[in-house]
């Protein structure tokens, strides 16, 4: 299906471009979200008549987004989650969790603005992209930890999981007999008394 773009769409084109897309993408996403018009003669005339207004509205929204980006860029949110000893979360961090945490800081975002390349399923610090406008995007940091203390350590650059496994030394050593058969318990030999 041929369509006329009403705003910049990543990997597709800019305002006014006539592009060919799959029918489902146009019908289910671009047309209902008012990002495009069908490319027929009537719509081309309507678009050309309103082109200056559409571009002015886009420029106004872009300047608003650039001003808003100063409030959002570089923010760091801490999410406390339960995890296994290997650092795997019980569940995952969703877009809603990130939006709620950022909005608690006064960011004023919606779920559609957050871009997660893949689900967050482990402990650590992750960079997440926030698209405030098709032409304005910023990065925020999401710190996923088991406790506020761990979150503080991670923000200082400490790998909490590696530190936990290094510190896991107990003082107990098992007697080892290299000549023992498998399943046989090593017997400690009494020390000879000095005479």
C-alpha atoms as a PDB file:
ATOM      1  CA  UNK A   1       0.000   0.000   0.000  1.00  0.00           C
ATOM      2  CA  UNK A   2       1.314   3.470  -0.863  1.00  0.00           C
ATOM      3  CA  UNK A   3       1.004   6.080   1.884  1.00  0.00           C
ATOM      4  CA  UNK A   4       1.973   9.713   2.539  1.00  0.00           C
ATOM      5  CA  UNK A   5       3.827  10.197   5.847  1.00  0.00           C
ATOM      6  CA  UNK A   6       2.493  12.921   8.146  1.00  0.00           C
ATOM      7  CA  UNK A   7       5.490  12.690  10.502  1.00  0.00           C
ATOM      8  CA  UNK A   8       8.959  11.202  10.492  1.00  0.00           C
ATOM      9  CA  UNK A   9       8.859   7.438  10.950  1.00  0.00           C
ATOM     10  CA  UNK A  10      12.168   5.740  11.730  1.00  0.00           C
ATOM     11  CA  UNK A  11      13.489   3.486   8.933  1.00  0.00           C
ATOM     12  CA  UNK A  12      10.635   4.630   6.664  1.00  0.00           C
ATOM     13  CA  UNK A  13      10.895   8.322   5.764  1.00  0.00           C
ATOM     14  CA  UNK A  14      10.181  11.961   6.591  1.00  0.00           C
ATOM     15  CA  UNK A  15       7.105  14.199   6.376  1.00  0.00           C
ATOM     16  CA  UNK A  16       5.567  14.183   2.902  1.00  0.00           C
ATOM     17  CA  UNK A  17       7.393  11.104   1.609  1.00  0.00           C
ATOM     18  CA  UNK A  18       5.280   8.688  -0.405  1.00  0.00           C
ATOM     19  CA  UNK A  19       6.374   5.188   0.597  1.00  0.00           C
ATOM     20  CA  UNK A  20       5.135   1.682   0.012  1.00  0.00           C
ATOM     21  CA  UNK A  21       4.493  -0.432   3.115  1.00  0.00           C
ATOM     22  CA  UNK A  22       2.748  -3.687   3.880  1.00  0.00           C
ATOM     23  CA  UNK A  23      -1.014  -3.396   4.146  1.00  0.00           C
ATOM     24  CA  UNK A  24      -1.170  -4.588   7.756  1.00  0.00           C
ATOM     25  CA  UNK A  25       1.435  -2.076   8.948  1.00  0.00           C
ATOM     26  CA  UNK A  26      -0.502   0.737   7.302  1.00  0.00           C
ATOM     27  CA  UNK A  27      -3.966  -0.369   8.450  1.00  0.00           C
ATOM     28  CA  UNK A  28      -3.028  -1.377  11.996  1.00  0.00           C
ATOM     29  CA  UNK A  29      -0.395   1.208  12.958  1.00  0.00           C
ATOM     30  CA  UNK A  30       0.225   4.148  10.625  1.00  0.00           C
ATOM     31  CA  UNK A  31      -3.342   5.098   9.673  1.00  0.00           C
ATOM     32  CA  UNK A  32      -5.008   4.692  13.127  1.00  0.00           C
ATOM     33  CA  UNK A  33      -2.197   6.640  14.828  1.00  0.00           C
ATOM     34  CA  UNK A  34      -2.506   9.475  12.272  1.00  0.00           C
ATOM     35  CA  UNK A  35       1.086   9.044  11.125  1.00  0.00           C
ATOM     36  CA  UNK A  36       0.099   8.653   7.454  1.00  0.00           C
ATOM     37  CA  UNK A  37      -2.594   9.031   4.796  1.00  0.00           C
ATOM     38  CA  UNK A  38      -3.420   6.715   1.926  1.00  0.00           C
ATOM     39  CA  UNK A  39      -1.633   7.943  -1.200  1.00  0.00           C
ATOM     40  CA  UNK A  40      -4.568   8.725  -3.494  1.00  0.00           C
ATOM     41  CA  UNK A  41      -5.153  11.879  -5.541  1.00  0.00           C
ATOM     42  CA  UNK A  42      -7.593  13.452  -3.050  1.00  0.00           C
ATOM     43  CA  UNK A  43      -5.253  12.914  -0.076  1.00  0.00           C
ATOM     44  CA  UNK A  44      -2.250  14.247  -2.038  1.00  0.00           C
ATOM     45  CA  UNK A  45      -4.137  17.498  -2.701  1.00  0.00           C
ATOM     46  CA  UNK A  46      -5.211  17.748   0.955  1.00  0.00           C
ATOM     47  CA  UNK A  47      -1.647  17.113   2.123  1.00  0.00           C
ATOM     48  CA  UNK A  48      -0.132  19.721  -0.229  1.00  0.00           C
ATOM     49  CA  UNK A  49      -2.739  22.276   0.881  1.00  0.00           C
ATOM     50  CA  UNK A  50      -1.924  21.644   4.568  1.00  0.00           C
ATOM     51  CA  UNK A  51       1.809  20.922   4.219  1.00  0.00           C
ATOM     52  CA  UNK A  52       2.970  24.211   5.808  1.00  0.00           C
ATOM     53  CA  UNK A  53       0.649  23.730   8.810  1.00  0.00           C
ATOM     54  CA  UNK A  54       1.717  20.082   9.287  1.00  0.00           C
ATOM     55  CA  UNK A  55       5.414  21.020   9.192  1.00  0.00           C
ATOM     56  CA  UNK A  56       4.866  23.964  11.581  1.00  0.00           C
ATOM     57  CA  UNK A  57       3.007  21.700  14.048  1.00  0.00           C
ATOM     58  CA  UNK A  58       5.837  19.157  13.831  1.00  0.00           C
ATOM     59  CA  UNK A  59       8.438  21.861  14.477  1.00  0.00           C
ATOM     60  CA  UNK A  60       6.482  23.098  17.518  1.00  0.00           C
ATOM     61  CA  UNK A  61       6.187  19.572  18.935  1.00  0.00           C
ATOM     62  CA  UNK A  62       9.910  19.021  18.325  1.00  0.00           C
ATOM     63  CA  UNK A  63      10.899  22.190  20.242  1.00  0.00           C
ATOM     64  CA  UNK A  64       8.621  21.147  23.141  1.00  0.00           C
ATOM     65  CA  UNK A  65      10.259  17.709  23.139  1.00  0.00           C
ATOM     66  CA  UNK A  66      13.752  19.244  23.118  1.00  0.00           C
ATOM     67  CA  UNK A  67      12.857  21.374  26.147  1.00  0.00           C
ATOM     68  CA  UNK A  68      11.378  18.310  27.890  1.00  0.00           C
ATOM     69  CA  UNK A  69      14.511  16.293  27.074  1.00  0.00           C
ATOM     70  CA  UNK A  70      16.555  18.473  29.428  1.00  0.00           C
ATOM     71  CA  UNK A  71      14.394  17.203  32.329  1.00  0.00           C
ATOM     72  CA  UNK A  72      14.630  13.541  31.315  1.00  0.00           C
ATOM     73  CA  UNK A  73      18.129  13.038  29.895  1.00  0.00           C
ATOM     74  CA  UNK A  74      20.616  11.327  32.165  1.00  0.00           C
ATOM     75  CA  UNK A  75      18.083  10.391  34.843  1.00  0.00           C
ATOM     76  CA  UNK A  76      18.748   7.216  36.774  1.00  0.00           C
ATOM     77  CA  UNK A  77      15.992   5.180  38.366  1.00  0.00           C
ATOM     78  CA  UNK A  78      16.428   2.342  40.846  1.00  0.00           C
ATOM     79  CA  UNK A  79      14.161  -0.686  40.658  1.00  0.00           C
ATOM     80  CA  UNK A  80      14.331  -3.183  43.539  1.00  0.00           C
ATOM     81  CA  UNK A  81      13.533  -6.740  42.435  1.00  0.00           C
ATOM     82  CA  UNK A  82      13.903 -10.248  43.860  1.00  0.00           C
ATOM     83  CA  UNK A  83      16.417 -12.435  42.079  1.00  0.00           C
ATOM     84  CA  UNK A  84      18.191 -15.747  42.292  1.00  0.00           C
ATOM     85  CA  UNK A  85      21.762 -16.086  43.522  1.00  0.00           C
ATOM     86  CA  UNK A  86      22.975 -16.008  39.916  1.00  0.00           C
ATOM     87  CA  UNK A  87      21.402 -12.594  39.312  1.00  0.00           C
ATOM     88  CA  UNK A  88      18.407 -13.780  37.254  1.00  0.00           C
ATOM     89  CA  UNK A  89      15.225 -11.880  38.142  1.00  0.00           C
ATOM     90  CA  UNK A  90      12.049 -13.675  39.127  1.00  0.00           C
ATOM     91  CA  UNK A  91      10.107 -12.124  36.235  1.00  0.00           C
ATOM     92  CA  UNK A  92      11.353  -9.161  34.236  1.00  0.00           C
ATOM     93  CA  UNK A  93      11.370  -5.371  34.320  1.00  0.00           C
ATOM     94  CA  UNK A  94       8.609  -4.065  32.066  1.00  0.00           C
ATOM     95  CA  UNK A  95       8.135  -0.760  30.282  1.00  0.00           C
ATOM     96  CA  UNK A  96       5.390   0.112  32.780  1.00  0.00           C
ATOM     97  CA  UNK A  97       7.838  -0.299  35.706  1.00  0.00           C
ATOM     98  CA  UNK A  98      10.297   2.091  34.042  1.00  0.00           C
ATOM     99  CA  UNK A  99       7.591   4.663  33.196  1.00  0.00           C
ATOM    100  CA  UNK A 100       6.187   4.571  36.737  1.00  0.00           C
ATOM    101  CA  UNK A 101       9.657   5.091  38.246  1.00  0.00           C
ATOM    102  CA  UNK A 102      10.487   7.966  35.869  1.00  0.00           C
ATOM    103  CA  UNK A 103       7.086   9.623  36.403  1.00  0.00           C
ATOM    104  CA  UNK A 104       7.589   9.403  40.176  1.00  0.00           C
ATOM    105  CA  UNK A 105      10.657  11.588  39.503  1.00  0.00           C
ATOM    106  CA  UNK A 106       8.451  14.021  37.572  1.00  0.00           C
ATOM    107  CA  UNK A 107       9.408  13.040  34.005  1.00  0.00           C
ATOM    108  CA  UNK A 108       5.869  13.018  32.548  1.00  0.00           C
ATOM    109  CA  UNK A 109       6.263  10.113  30.086  1.00  0.00           C
ATOM    110  CA  UNK A 110       3.963   7.543  28.484  1.00  0.00           C
ATOM    111  CA  UNK A 111       4.626   3.855  27.767  1.00  0.00           C
ATOM    112  CA  UNK A 112       4.890   4.479  24.010  1.00  0.00           C
ATOM    113  CA  UNK A 113       7.967   6.662  24.552  1.00  0.00           C
ATOM    114  CA  UNK A 114      10.111   3.897  26.119  1.00  0.00           C
ATOM    115  CA  UNK A 115      12.167   1.701  23.765  1.00  0.00           C
ATOM    116  CA  UNK A 116      13.435  -1.589  25.218  1.00  0.00           C
ATOM    117  CA  UNK A 117      15.590  -3.560  22.780  1.00  0.00           C
ATOM    118  CA  UNK A 118      15.184  -6.688  24.896  1.00  0.00           C
ATOM    119  CA  UNK A 119      13.525  -7.472  28.223  1.00  0.00           C
ATOM    120  CA  UNK A 120      15.525  -6.775  31.377  1.00  0.00           C
ATOM    121  CA  UNK A 121      15.840 -10.108  33.206  1.00  0.00           C
ATOM    122  CA  UNK A 122      19.062  -9.710  35.200  1.00  0.00           C
ATOM    123  CA  UNK A 123      20.519  -7.435  37.850  1.00  0.00           C
ATOM    124  CA  UNK A 124      22.637  -4.518  36.654  1.00  0.00           C
ATOM    125  CA  UNK A 125      22.553  -1.050  35.100  1.00  0.00           C
ATOM    126  CA  UNK A 126      20.915  -0.711  31.681  1.00  0.00           C
ATOM    127  CA  UNK A 127      20.683   2.160  29.185  1.00  0.00           C
ATOM    128  CA  UNK A 128      17.115   2.685  27.963  1.00  0.00           C
ATOM    129  CA  UNK A 129      16.127   4.955  25.077  1.00  0.00           C
ATOM    130  CA  UNK A 130      13.222   7.379  25.504  1.00  0.00           C
ATOM    131  CA  UNK A 131      11.686   8.782  22.289  1.00  0.00           C
ATOM    132  CA  UNK A 132      10.087  12.104  23.197  1.00  0.00           C
ATOM    133  CA  UNK A 133       9.446  12.893  19.505  1.00  0.00           C
ATOM    134  CA  UNK A 134      10.304  11.018  16.300  1.00  0.00           C
ATOM    135  CA  UNK A 135      13.347  13.295  15.993  1.00  0.00           C
ATOM    136  CA  UNK A 136      14.252  13.658  19.707  1.00  0.00           C
ATOM    137  CA  UNK A 137      15.458  10.737  21.820  1.00  0.00           C
ATOM    138  CA  UNK A 138      17.397  10.602  25.094  1.00  0.00           C
ATOM    139  CA  UNK A 139      18.983   7.910  27.272  1.00  0.00           C
ATOM    140  CA  UNK A 140      18.145   7.088  30.871  1.00  0.00           C
ATOM    141  CA  UNK A 141      19.771   4.562  33.189  1.00  0.00           C
ATOM    142  CA  UNK A 142      17.787   1.817  34.890  1.00  0.00           C
ATOM    143  CA  UNK A 143      19.517   0.323  37.931  1.00  0.00           C
ATOM    144  CA  UNK A 144      18.007  -3.082  38.799  1.00  0.00           C
ATOM    145  CA  UNK A 145      19.145  -4.389  42.194  1.00  0.00           C
ATOM    146  CA  UNK A 146      18.005  -6.548  45.109  1.00  0.00           C
ATOM    147  CA  UNK A 147      18.353  -3.820  47.734  1.00  0.00           C
ATOM    148  CA  UNK A 148      19.068  -0.085  47.925  1.00  0.00           C
ATOM    149  CA  UNK A 149      22.591  -0.887  49.188  1.00  0.00           C
ATOM    150  CA  UNK A 150      23.293  -3.036  46.124  1.00  0.00           C
ATOM    151  CA  UNK A 151      21.877  -0.298  43.891  1.00  0.00           C
ATOM    152  CA  UNK A 152      24.299   2.184  45.458  1.00  0.00           C
ATOM    153  CA  UNK A 153      27.240  -0.184  44.873  1.00  0.00           C
ATOM    154  CA  UNK A 154      26.201  -0.770  41.255  1.00  0.00           C
ATOM    155  CA  UNK A 155      25.941   2.969  40.608  1.00  0.00           C
ATOM    156  CA  UNK A 156      29.555   3.288  41.840  1.00  0.00           C
ATOM    157  CA  UNK A 157      30.611   0.706  39.241  1.00  0.00           C
ATOM    158  CA  UNK A 158      30.918  -2.376  41.465  1.00  0.00           C
ATOM    159  CA  UNK A 159      29.833  -5.669  39.901  1.00  0.00           C
ATOM    160  CA  UNK A 160      27.705  -6.946  42.777  1.00  0.00           C
ATOM    161  CA  UNK A 161      27.391 -10.520  41.495  1.00  0.00           C
ATOM    162  CA  UNK A 162      31.144 -10.956  40.975  1.00  0.00           C
ATOM    163  CA  UNK A 163      31.847  -9.448  44.402  1.00  0.00           C
ATOM    164  CA  UNK A 164      29.332 -11.805  46.003  1.00  0.00           C
ATOM    165  CA  UNK A 165      30.980 -14.901  44.504  1.00  0.00           C
ATOM    166  CA  UNK A 166      34.499 -13.698  45.407  1.00  0.00           C
ATOM    167  CA  UNK A 167      33.444 -13.083  49.009  1.00  0.00           C
ATOM    168  CA  UNK A 168      31.837 -16.514  49.281  1.00  0.00           C
ATOM    169  CA  UNK A 169      34.791 -18.151  51.006  1.00  0.00           C
ATOM    170  CA  UNK A 170      33.916 -19.963  54.229  1.00  0.00           C
ATOM    171  CA  UNK A 171      37.033 -21.174  56.045  1.00  0.00           C
ATOM    172  CA  UNK A 172      35.906 -24.812  55.849  1.00  0.00           C
ATOM    173  CA  UNK A 173      38.107 -27.085  53.767  1.00  0.00           C
ATOM    174  CA  UNK A 174      37.338 -30.701  53.210  1.00  0.00           C
ATOM    175  CA  UNK A 175      40.025 -33.313  53.706  1.00  0.00           C
ATOM    176  CA  UNK A 176      41.215 -34.572  50.345  1.00  0.00           C
ATOM    177  CA  UNK A 177      42.865 -37.917  49.686  1.00  0.00           C
ATOM    178  CA  UNK A 178      44.119 -38.256  46.098  1.00  0.00           C
ATOM    179  CA  UNK A 179      44.271 -42.071  46.405  1.00  0.00           C
ATOM    180  CA  UNK A 180      40.681 -42.468  47.651  1.00  0.00           C
ATOM    181  CA  UNK A 181      38.091 -44.297  45.575  1.00  0.00           C
ATOM    182  CA  UNK A 182      35.036 -42.347  44.402  1.00  0.00           C
ATOM    183  CA  UNK A 183      32.432 -42.148  47.164  1.00  0.00           C
ATOM    184  CA  UNK A 184      34.997 -42.991  49.875  1.00  0.00           C
ATOM    185  CA  UNK A 185      35.319 -40.559  52.748  1.00  0.00           C
ATOM    186  CA  UNK A 186      38.822 -39.307  53.427  1.00  0.00           C
ATOM    187  CA  UNK A 187      40.104 -40.164  56.882  1.00  0.00           C
ATOM    188  CA  UNK A 188      42.369 -37.725  58.618  1.00  0.00           C
ATOM    189  CA  UNK A 189      45.476 -39.387  59.968  1.00  0.00           C
ATOM    190  CA  UNK A 190      46.452 -38.512  63.541  1.00  0.00           C
ATOM    191  CA  UNK A 191      49.496 -36.341  63.769  1.00  0.00           C
ATOM    192  CA  UNK A 192      52.555 -38.105  65.180  1.00  0.00           C
ATOM    193  CA  UNK A 193      53.474 -36.827  68.625  1.00  0.00           C
ATOM    194  CA  UNK A 194      56.974 -35.508  69.023  1.00  0.00           C
ATOM    195  CA  UNK A 195      59.015 -37.580  71.503  1.00  0.00           C
END
